C-alpha atoms as a PDB file:
ATOM      1  CA  ALA A   1     -22.305 -33.423  23.493  1.00  0.00           C
ATOM      2  CA  ILE A   2     -25.759 -32.298  24.751  1.00  0.00           C
ATOM      3  CA  GLY A   3     -25.755 -28.646  26.297  1.00  0.00           C
ATOM      4  CA  ALA A   4     -28.937 -28.034  26.388  1.00  0.00           C
ATOM      5  CA  SER A   5     -33.036 -28.720  26.106  1.00  0.00           C
ATOM      6  CA  THR A   6     -33.913 -26.929  23.208  1.00  0.00           C
ATOM      7  CA  GLY A   7     -33.222 -25.568  19.405  1.00  0.00           C
ATOM      8  CA  ASN A   8     -30.621 -27.447  17.190  1.00  0.00           C
ATOM      9  CA  SER A   9     -27.994 -25.291  19.591  1.00  0.00           C
ATOM     10  CA  ALA A  10     -28.302 -28.216  22.158  1.00  0.00           C
ATOM     11  CA  PHE A  11     -25.833 -30.342  20.433  1.00  0.00           C
ATOM     12  CA  GLN A  12     -22.599 -28.928  19.932  1.00  0.00           C
ATOM     13  CA  PRO A  13     -21.172 -29.559  17.993  1.00  0.00           C
ATOM     14  CA  ASN A  14     -24.246 -29.968  15.527  1.00  0.00           C
ATOM     15  CA  PRO A  15     -23.294 -30.919  12.631  1.00  0.00           C
ATOM     16  CA  VAL A  16     -20.947 -34.032  14.424  1.00  0.00           C
ATOM     17  CA  ARG A  17     -18.648 -35.651  11.835  1.00  0.00           C
ATOM     18  CA  ALA A  18     -17.875 -38.816  12.335  1.00  0.00           C
ATOM     19  CA  SER A  19     -16.498 -41.584   9.775  1.00  0.00           C
ATOM     20  CA  SER A  20     -18.331 -44.865   8.811  1.00  0.00           C
ATOM     21  CA  GLY A  21     -17.667 -47.566  11.180  1.00  0.00           C
ATOM     22  CA  ASP A  22     -17.251 -45.336  13.979  1.00  0.00           C
ATOM     23  CA  THR A  23     -19.228 -45.501  17.983  1.00  0.00           C
ATOM     24  CA  VAL A  24     -21.087 -42.815  18.477  1.00  0.00           C
ATOM     25  CA  ILE A  25     -22.075 -41.667  22.214  1.00  0.00           C
ATOM     26  CA  PHE A  26     -23.396 -38.808  23.714  1.00  0.00           C
ATOM     27  CA  ARG A  27     -23.172 -36.713  26.946  1.00  0.00           C
ATOM     28  CA  ASN A  28     -25.550 -35.329  28.557  1.00  0.00           C
ATOM     29  CA  ASN A  29     -24.068 -32.239  30.195  1.00  0.00           C
ATOM     30  CA  ASP A  30     -28.059 -30.142  30.989  1.00  0.00           C
ATOM     31  CA  GLY A  31     -29.626 -30.647  34.146  1.00  0.00           C
ATOM     32  CA  LEU A  32     -32.052 -32.565  31.800  1.00  0.00           C
ATOM     33  CA  MET A  33     -33.100 -36.674  30.832  1.00  0.00           C
ATOM     34  CA  HIS A  34     -32.816 -36.972  27.143  1.00  0.00           C
ATOM     35  CA  HIS A  35     -33.491 -39.837  24.883  1.00  0.00           C
ATOM     36  CA  LEU A  36     -32.274 -39.492  21.504  1.00  0.00           C
ATOM     37  CA  ILE A  37     -33.006 -41.143  18.616  1.00  0.00           C
ATOM     38  CA  MET A  38     -31.824 -41.544  14.884  1.00  0.00           C
ATOM     39  CA  ASP A  39     -34.870 -40.112  12.474  1.00  0.00           C
ATOM     40  CA  ASP A  40     -34.671 -43.290  10.064  1.00  0.00           C
ATOM     41  CA  GLY A  41     -35.252 -45.899  13.076  1.00  0.00           C
ATOM     42  CA  SER A  42     -31.638 -47.409  12.838  1.00  0.00           C
ATOM     43  CA  ALA A  43     -30.684 -46.668  16.687  1.00  0.00           C
ATOM     44  CA  ASP A  44     -32.497 -45.303  19.808  1.00  0.00           C
ATOM     45  CA  LEU A  45     -29.946 -44.578  22.197  1.00  0.00           C
ATOM     46  CA  GLY A  46     -32.136 -44.442  25.329  1.00  0.00           C
ATOM     47  CA  ASP A  47     -33.155 -42.199  27.810  1.00  0.00           C
ATOM     48  CA  ILE A  48     -29.583 -40.226  29.202  1.00  0.00           C
ATOM     49  CA  ALA A  49     -29.760 -38.931  32.671  1.00  0.00           C
ATOM     50  CA  PRO A  50     -27.958 -35.479  33.684  1.00  0.00           C
ATOM     51  CA  GLY A  51     -24.320 -36.366  33.849  1.00  0.00           C
ATOM     52  CA  ALA A  52     -24.358 -39.341  31.624  1.00  0.00           C
ATOM     53  CA  ALA A  53     -23.376 -41.165  28.422  1.00  0.00           C
ATOM     54  CA  SER A  54     -25.640 -42.818  25.755  1.00  0.00           C
ATOM     55  CA  ARG A  55     -25.631 -46.300  24.173  1.00  0.00           C
ATOM     56  CA  GLY A  56     -23.029 -46.439  22.194  1.00  0.00           C
ATOM     57  CA  PHE A  57     -24.160 -46.889  18.074  1.00  0.00           C
ATOM     58  CA  THR A  58     -21.995 -47.845  15.331  1.00  0.00           C
ATOM     59  CA  LEU A  59     -21.862 -45.808  12.136  1.00  0.00           C
ATOM     60  CA  ARG A  60     -22.650 -47.883   8.918  1.00  0.00           C
ATOM     61  CA  SER A  61     -22.323 -45.179   6.823  1.00  0.00           C
ATOM     62  CA  ALA A  62     -21.213 -41.537   6.595  1.00  0.00           C
ATOM     63  CA  SER A  63     -23.654 -40.345   4.650  1.00  0.00           C
ATOM     64  CA  ALA A  64     -25.664 -37.608   6.656  1.00  0.00           C
ATOM     65  CA  ALA A  65     -28.481 -38.561   9.286  1.00  0.00           C
ATOM     66  CA  ASN A  66     -30.501 -36.930  11.510  1.00  0.00           C
ATOM     67  CA  PHE A  67     -31.477 -37.813  15.227  1.00  0.00           C
ATOM     68  CA  HIS A  68     -34.033 -35.850  17.758  1.00  0.00           C
ATOM     69  CA  CYS A  69     -34.604 -36.013  21.423  1.00  0.00           C
ATOM     70  CA  THR A  70     -38.495 -37.564  21.859  1.00  0.00           C
ATOM     71  CA  LEU A  71     -38.822 -35.461  25.176  1.00  0.00           C
ATOM     72  CA  HIS A  72     -37.825 -32.429  23.552  1.00  0.00           C
ATOM     73  CA  SER A  73     -39.202 -31.699  20.123  1.00  0.00           C
ATOM     74  CA  SER A  74     -37.310 -29.067  19.005  1.00  0.00           C
ATOM     75  CA  MET A  75     -33.739 -30.812  20.054  1.00  0.00           C
ATOM     76  CA  VAL A  76     -32.867 -31.719  16.396  1.00  0.00           C
ATOM     77  CA  GLY A  77     -29.094 -32.517  15.002  1.00  0.00           C
ATOM     78  CA  SER A  78     -26.894 -34.487  12.142  1.00  0.00           C
ATOM     79  CA  ILE A  79     -24.584 -36.550  11.752  1.00  0.00           C
ATOM     80  CA  ASN A  80     -22.468 -35.263   8.445  1.00  0.00           C
ATOM     81  CA  GLY A  81     -25.148 -32.930   7.380  1.00  0.00           C
ATOM     82  CA  ALA A  82     -24.138 -30.009   5.482  1.00  0.00           C
ATOM     83  CA  THR A  83     -26.010 -28.061   8.205  1.00  0.00           C
ATOM     84  CA  ALA A  84     -28.058 -28.548  11.897  1.00  0.00           C
ATOM     85  CA  PRO A  85     -31.884 -29.163  10.425  1.00  0.00           C
ATOM     86  CA  GLU A  86     -33.938 -26.153  11.385  1.00  0.00           C
ATOM     87  CA  PRO A  87     -35.865 -27.225  14.805  1.00  0.00           C
ATOM     88  CA  PRO A  88     -40.357 -28.298  13.853  1.00  0.00           C
ATOM     89  CA  PRO A  89     -42.729 -26.031  14.913  1.00  0.00           C
ATOM     90  CA  CYS A  90     -43.364 -26.035  18.402  1.00  0.00           C
ATOM     91  CA  LEU A  91     -47.406 -27.232  18.558  1.00  0.00           C
ATOM     92  CA  ASP A  92     -47.232 -27.206  22.474  1.00  0.00           C
ATOM     93  CA  PRO A  93     -49.072 -23.925  23.760  1.00  0.00           C
ATOM     94  CA  TYR A  94     -47.111 -23.959  27.111  1.00  0.00           C
ATOM     95  CA  GLY A  95     -43.890 -24.626  25.237  1.00  0.00           C
ATOM     96  CA  TYR A  96     -43.242 -28.141  27.553  1.00  0.00           C
ATOM     97  CA  GLY A  97     -41.572 -30.392  25.845  1.00  0.00           C
ATOM     98  CA  CYS A  98     -40.257 -28.233  22.490  1.00  0.00           C
END
């Protein structure tokens, strides 16, 4: 679930646990629009409006895979990672989008 719009704690749980062949869907419990993509380019879950759920995608491997929000750069997460990834440094001097 998406519970906030900043940092690796925005996703709960983080990391997410899933098995190969599982369908992964994110529910947006935050009040802002989000757009999630897998870092390896394997899935673009599209825009996820507040209260809505993402498109589902089938996990092809049980290996660790990271994802992020294209609208809020500090929102990073992992599926099957050992820990949640660290957010990148915020390059926006006003903090918008981070």
